[in-house]
């Protein structure tokens, strides 16, 4: 598995985990978890973009 695919799978797994969490925690807890997952997914996207930029050089 290449690096980009790894990050895409990781992001997808985080989304799945977030969806499962929605039914297991309170609304307040879900807001917190959602914020953290969104932040991680944002950082993943930055990492993917850096890889793509590096590969295009």
PDB file of N, CA and C in Angstrom:
ATOM      1  N   UNK A   1       0.854  -1.180   0.000  1.00  0.00           N
ATOM      2  CA  UNK A   1       0.000   0.000   0.000  1.00  0.00           C
ATOM      3  C   UNK A   1       0.895   1.236   0.000  1.00  0.00           C
ATOM      4  N   UNK A   2       0.636   2.132  -0.929  1.00  0.00           N
ATOM      5  CA  UNK A   2       1.444   3.346  -0.954  1.00  0.00           C
ATOM      6  C   UNK A   2       0.967   4.333   0.108  1.00  0.00           C
ATOM      7  N   UNK A   3       1.746   5.368   0.286  1.00  0.00           N
ATOM      8  CA  UNK A   3       1.485   6.331   1.360  1.00  0.00           C
ATOM      9  C   UNK A   3       0.133   7.030   1.215  1.00  0.00           C
ATOM     10  N   UNK A   4      -0.192   7.450   0.011  1.00  0.00           N
ATOM     11  CA  UNK A   4      -1.458   8.157  -0.196  1.00  0.00           C
ATOM     12  C   UNK A   4      -2.631   7.235   0.101  1.00  0.00           C
ATOM     13  N   UNK A   5      -2.556   6.013  -0.376  1.00  0.00           N
ATOM     14  CA  UNK A   5      -3.634   5.058  -0.112  1.00  0.00           C
ATOM     15  C   UNK A   5      -3.773   4.806   1.387  1.00  0.00           C
ATOM     16  N   UNK A   6      -2.647   4.716   2.081  1.00  0.00           N
ATOM     17  CA  UNK A   6      -2.667   4.534   3.529  1.00  0.00           C
ATOM     18  C   UNK A   6      -3.461   5.657   4.206  1.00  0.00           C
ATOM     19  N   UNK A   7      -3.173   6.896   3.836  1.00  0.00           N
ATOM     20  CA  UNK A   7      -3.859   8.029   4.452  1.00  0.00           C
ATOM     21  C   UNK A   7      -5.340   8.072   4.082  1.00  0.00           C
ATOM     22  N   UNK A   8      -5.666   7.679   2.869  1.00  0.00           N
ATOM     23  CA  UNK A   8      -7.075   7.638   2.461  1.00  0.00           C
ATOM     24  C   UNK A   8      -7.843   6.580   3.246  1.00  0.00           C
ATOM     25  N   UNK A   9      -7.230   5.419   3.440  1.00  0.00           N
ATOM     26  CA  UNK A   9      -7.869   4.361   4.232  1.00  0.00           C
ATOM     27  C   UNK A   9      -8.014   4.811   5.682  1.00  0.00           C
ATOM     28  N   UNK A  10      -6.991   5.441   6.213  1.00  0.00           N
ATOM     29  CA  UNK A  10      -7.047   5.950   7.581  1.00  0.00           C
ATOM     30  C   UNK A  10      -8.194   6.945   7.746  1.00  0.00           C
ATOM     31  N   UNK A  11      -8.335   7.851   6.817  1.00  0.00           N
ATOM     32  CA  UNK A  11      -9.412   8.836   6.868  1.00  0.00           C
ATOM     33  C   UNK A  11     -10.779   8.162   6.788  1.00  0.00           C
ATOM     34  N   UNK A  12     -10.898   7.185   5.919  1.00  0.00           N
ATOM     35  CA  UNK A  12     -12.150   6.443   5.782  1.00  0.00           C
ATOM     36  C   UNK A  12     -12.482   5.688   7.069  1.00  0.00           C
ATOM     37  N   UNK A  13     -11.481   5.067   7.665  1.00  0.00           N
ATOM     38  CA  UNK A  13     -11.696   4.353   8.928  1.00  0.00           C
ATOM     39  C   UNK A  13     -12.134   5.309  10.033  1.00  0.00           C
ATOM     40  N   UNK A  14     -11.558   6.496  10.060  1.00  0.00           N
ATOM     41  CA  UNK A  14     -11.977   7.498  11.045  1.00  0.00           C
ATOM     42  C   UNK A  14     -13.438   7.891  10.844  1.00  0.00           C
ATOM     43  N   UNK A  15     -13.859   8.026   9.599  1.00  0.00           N
ATOM     44  CA  UNK A  15     -15.257   8.360   9.306  1.00  0.00           C
ATOM     45  C   UNK A  15     -16.186   7.256   9.783  1.00  0.00           C
ATOM     46  N   UNK A  16     -15.801   6.024   9.545  1.00  0.00           N
ATOM     47  CA  UNK A  16     -16.614   4.890   9.996  1.00  0.00           C
ATOM     48  C   UNK A  16     -16.709   4.861  11.516  1.00  0.00           C
ATOM     49  N   UNK A  17     -15.586   5.072  12.163  1.00  0.00           N
ATOM     50  CA  UNK A  17     -15.568   5.098  13.621  1.00  0.00           C
ATOM     51  C   UNK A  17     -16.435   6.229  14.157  1.00  0.00           C
ATOM     52  N   UNK A  18     -16.370   7.379  13.518  1.00  0.00           N
ATOM     53  CA  UNK A  18     -17.192   8.512  13.929  1.00  0.00           C
ATOM     54  C   UNK A  18     -18.676   8.176  13.811  1.00  0.00           C
ATOM     55  N   UNK A  19     -19.061   7.553  12.713  1.00  0.00           N
ATOM     56  CA  UNK A  19     -20.466   7.182  12.528  1.00  0.00           C
ATOM     57  C   UNK A  19     -20.930   6.193  13.584  1.00  0.00           C
ATOM     58  N   UNK A  20     -20.087   5.254  13.965  1.00  0.00           N
ATOM     59  CA  UNK A  20     -20.447   4.298  15.010  1.00  0.00           C
ATOM     60  C   UNK A  20     -20.524   4.981  16.369  1.00  0.00           C
ATOM     61  N   UNK A  21     -19.672   5.957  16.591  1.00  0.00           N
ATOM     62  CA  UNK A  21     -19.635   6.675  17.867  1.00  0.00           C
ATOM     63  C   UNK A  21     -20.909   7.481  18.084  1.00  0.00           C
ATOM     64  N   UNK A  22     -21.490   7.965  16.993  1.00  0.00           N
ATOM     65  CA  UNK A  22     -22.684   8.810  17.082  1.00  0.00           C
ATOM     66  C   UNK A  22     -23.782   8.161  17.918  1.00  0.00           C
ATOM     67  N   UNK A  23     -23.931   6.859  17.795  1.00  0.00           N
ATOM     68  CA  UNK A  23     -24.995   6.154  18.507  1.00  0.00           C
ATOM     69  C   UNK A  23     -24.586   5.684  19.894  1.00  0.00           C
ATOM     70  N   UNK A  24     -23.334   5.866  20.265  1.00  0.00           N
ATOM     71  CA  UNK A  24     -22.837   5.313  21.519  1.00  0.00           C
ATOM     72  C   UNK A  24     -22.543   6.361  22.590  1.00  0.00           C
ATOM     73  N   UNK A  25     -22.563   7.632  22.224  1.00  0.00           N
ATOM     74  CA  UNK A  25     -22.213   8.680  23.184  1.00  0.00           C
ATOM     75  C   UNK A  25     -23.279   9.774  23.183  1.00  0.00           C
ATOM     76  N   UNK A  26     -23.197  10.645  24.166  1.00  0.00           N
ATOM     77  CA  UNK A  26     -24.136  11.763  24.239  1.00  0.00           C
ATOM     78  C   UNK A  26     -23.840  12.768  23.128  1.00  0.00           C
ATOM     79  N   UNK A  27     -24.775  13.669  22.913  1.00  0.00           N
ATOM     80  CA  UNK A  27     -24.595  14.696  21.878  1.00  0.00           C
ATOM     81  C   UNK A  27     -23.371  15.557  22.150  1.00  0.00           C
ATOM     82  N   UNK A  28     -23.169  15.914  23.410  1.00  0.00           N
ATOM     83  CA  UNK A  28     -22.024  16.752  23.764  1.00  0.00           C
ATOM     84  C   UNK A  28     -20.708  16.020  23.495  1.00  0.00           C
ATOM     85  N   UNK A  29     -20.673  14.749  23.860  1.00  0.00           N
ATOM     86  CA  UNK A  29     -19.463  13.963  23.613  1.00  0.00           C
ATOM     87  C   UNK A  29     -19.221  13.799  22.120  1.00  0.00           C
ATOM     88  N   UNK A  30     -20.299  13.627  21.367  1.00  0.00           N
ATOM     89  CA  UNK A  30     -20.149  13.447  19.925  1.00  0.00           C
ATOM     90  C   UNK A  30     -19.593  14.709  19.278  1.00  0.00           C
ATOM     91  N   UNK A  31     -20.033  15.867  19.723  1.00  0.00           N
ATOM     92  CA  UNK A  31     -19.503  17.123  19.177  1.00  0.00           C
ATOM     93  C   UNK A  31     -17.989  17.176  19.383  1.00  0.00           C
ATOM     94  N   UNK A  32     -17.548  16.801  20.563  1.00  0.00           N
ATOM     95  CA  UNK A  32     -16.109  16.799  20.864  1.00  0.00           C
ATOM     96  C   UNK A  32     -15.364  15.817  19.959  1.00  0.00           C
ATOM     97  N   UNK A  33     -15.876  14.597  19.866  1.00  0.00           N
ATOM     98  CA  UNK A  33     -15.231  13.574  19.037  1.00  0.00           C
ATOM     99  C   UNK A  33     -15.221  14.011  17.574  1.00  0.00           C
ATOM    100  N   UNK A  34     -16.322  14.569  17.114  1.00  0.00           N
ATOM    101  CA  UNK A  34     -16.423  15.026  15.730  1.00  0.00           C
ATOM    102  C   UNK A  34     -15.375  16.103  15.438  1.00  0.00           C
ATOM    103  N   UNK A  35     -15.191  17.029  16.363  1.00  0.00           N
ATOM    104  CA  UNK A  35     -14.180  18.073  16.183  1.00  0.00           C
ATOM    105  C   UNK A  35     -12.782  17.475  16.068  1.00  0.00           C
ATOM    106  N   UNK A  36     -12.495  16.498  16.920  1.00  0.00           N
ATOM    107  CA  UNK A  36     -11.167  15.876  16.896  1.00  0.00           C
ATOM    108  C   UNK A  36     -10.953  15.083  15.609  1.00  0.00           C
ATOM    109  N   UNK A  37     -11.953  14.330  15.188  1.00  0.00           N
ATOM    110  CA  UNK A  37     -11.842  13.554  13.949  1.00  0.00           C
ATOM    111  C   UNK A  37     -11.686  14.493  12.759  1.00  0.00           C
ATOM    112  N   UNK A  38     -12.446  15.574  12.748  1.00  0.00           N
ATOM    113  CA  UNK A  38     -12.337  16.542  11.654  1.00  0.00           C
ATOM    114  C   UNK A  38     -10.935  17.136  11.590  1.00  0.00           C
ATOM    115  N   UNK A  39     -10.370  17.427  12.730  1.00  0.00           N
ATOM    116  CA  UNK A  39      -9.007  17.970  12.782  1.00  0.00           C
ATOM    117  C   UNK A  39      -8.005  16.958  12.232  1.00  0.00           C
ATOM    118  N   UNK A  40      -8.139  15.710  12.640  1.00  0.00           N
ATOM    119  CA  UNK A  40      -7.237  14.665  12.157  1.00  0.00           C
ATOM    120  C   UNK A  40      -7.384  14.493  10.649  1.00  0.00           C
ATOM    121  N   UNK A  41      -8.623  14.498  10.157  1.00  0.00           N
ATOM    122  CA  UNK A  41      -8.837  14.345   8.719  1.00  0.00           C
ATOM    123  C   UNK A  41      -8.266  15.538   7.947  1.00  0.00           C
ATOM    124  N   UNK A  42      -8.349  16.709   8.524  1.00  0.00           N
ATOM    125  CA  UNK A  42      -7.741  17.892   7.909  1.00  0.00           C
ATOM    126  C   UNK A  42      -6.221  17.715   7.807  1.00  0.00           C
ATOM    127  N   UNK A  43      -5.606  17.241   8.875  1.00  0.00           N
ATOM    128  CA  UNK A  43      -4.163  17.013   8.867  1.00  0.00           C
ATOM    129  C   UNK A  43      -3.772  15.919   7.868  1.00  0.00           C
ATOM    130  N   UNK A  44      -4.620  14.913   7.740  1.00  0.00           N
ATOM    131  CA  UNK A  44      -4.386  13.862   6.743  1.00  0.00           C
ATOM    132  C   UNK A  44      -4.409  14.458   5.342  1.00  0.00           C
ATOM    133  N   UNK A  45      -5.370  15.326   5.076  1.00  0.00           N
ATOM    134  CA  UNK A  45      -5.449  15.953   3.752  1.00  0.00           C
ATOM    135  C   UNK A  45      -4.217  16.809   3.460  1.00  0.00           C
ATOM    136  N   UNK A  46      -3.724  17.498   4.469  1.00  0.00           N
ATOM    137  CA  UNK A  46      -2.493  18.276   4.300  1.00  0.00           C
ATOM    138  C   UNK A  46      -1.337  17.344   3.957  1.00  0.00           C
ATOM    139  N   UNK A  47      -1.258  16.226   4.650  1.00  0.00           N
ATOM    140  CA  UNK A  47      -0.179  15.271   4.394  1.00  0.00           C
ATOM    141  C   UNK A  47      -0.267  14.710   2.978  1.00  0.00           C
ATOM    142  N   UNK A  48      -1.460  14.367   2.542  1.00  0.00           N
ATOM    143  CA  UNK A  48      -1.654  13.859   1.177  1.00  0.00           C
ATOM    144  C   UNK A  48      -1.222  14.914   0.166  1.00  0.00           C
ATOM    145  N   UNK A  49      -1.610  16.159   0.399  1.00  0.00           N
ATOM    146  CA  UNK A  49      -1.240  17.231  -0.528  1.00  0.00           C
ATOM    147  C   UNK A  49       0.274  17.421  -0.581  1.00  0.00           C
ATOM    148  N   UNK A  50       0.927  17.325   0.564  1.00  0.00           N
ATOM    149  CA  UNK A  50       2.384  17.448   0.586  1.00  0.00           C
ATOM    150  C   UNK A  50       3.048  16.314  -0.191  1.00  0.00           C
ATOM    151  N   UNK A  51       2.510  15.118  -0.068  1.00  0.00           N
ATOM    152  CA  UNK A  51       3.048  13.978  -0.824  1.00  0.00           C
ATOM    153  C   UNK A  51       2.879  14.224  -2.318  1.00  0.00           C
ATOM    154  N   UNK A  52       1.696  14.658  -2.710  1.00  0.00           N
ATOM    155  CA  UNK A  52       1.435  14.925  -4.124  1.00  0.00           C
ATOM    156  C   UNK A  52       2.340  16.034  -4.655  1.00  0.00           C
ATOM    157  N   UNK A  53       2.518  17.076  -3.869  1.00  0.00           N
ATOM    158  CA  UNK A  53       3.403  18.171  -4.278  1.00  0.00           C
ATOM    159  C   UNK A  53       4.843  17.684  -4.430  1.00  0.00           C
ATOM    160  N   UNK A  54       5.265  16.855  -3.505  1.00  0.00           N
ATOM    161  CA  UNK A  54       6.631  16.324  -3.556  1.00  0.00           C
ATOM    162  C   UNK A  54       6.817  15.421  -4.775  1.00  0.00           C
ATOM    163  N   UNK A  55       5.815  14.610  -5.079  1.00  0.00           N
ATOM    164  CA  UNK A  55       5.899  13.693  -6.220  1.00  0.00           C
ATOM    165  C   UNK A  55       5.909  14.434  -7.551  1.00  0.00           C
ATOM    166  N   UNK A  56       5.300  15.607  -7.593  1.00  0.00           N
ATOM    167  CA  UNK A  56       5.215  16.342  -8.856  1.00  0.00           C
ATOM    168  C   UNK A  56       6.486  17.134  -9.169  1.00  0.00           C
ATOM    169  N   UNK A  57       7.401  17.189  -8.228  1.00  0.00           N
ATOM    170  CA  UNK A  57       8.655  17.938  -8.435  1.00  0.00           C
ATOM    171  C   UNK A  57       9.630  17.168  -9.277  1.00  0.00           C
TER     172      UNK A  57
END
